């Protein structure tokens, strides 16, 4: 696994600039938000994050990363944004992107 400041590979692209934070700002209630970009060699990929079941460490949220490839592709370097957010059951220290993504420290925003 790599830290969020390093890059790692998805099956087709490269993970870039991932962030995770507890959003405590007034309004809609606390949310855990994860955002990031994946750089692909073609313009036909759609990335997605989904919650995975709990692991052995209750302070780490595990997310499954999947990507789908469209039928029509152009060879051009493309960055795709991926986001995930939920009202958390508790506060977390890290988010782990599986299978081969980064481990991201969770920050708090007030």
Foldseek 3Di string as FASTA:
>chain_A
DAAQCDWWADPFWIWHDKAWEWECDPDPHTKIKIKTKTKGQKDFKDKEWDWDDDDPDPQETEIEIDMDGDDDIDRDIDIDMYMDMDRDPDHHQWYHYPDMGHIHGYYYDD
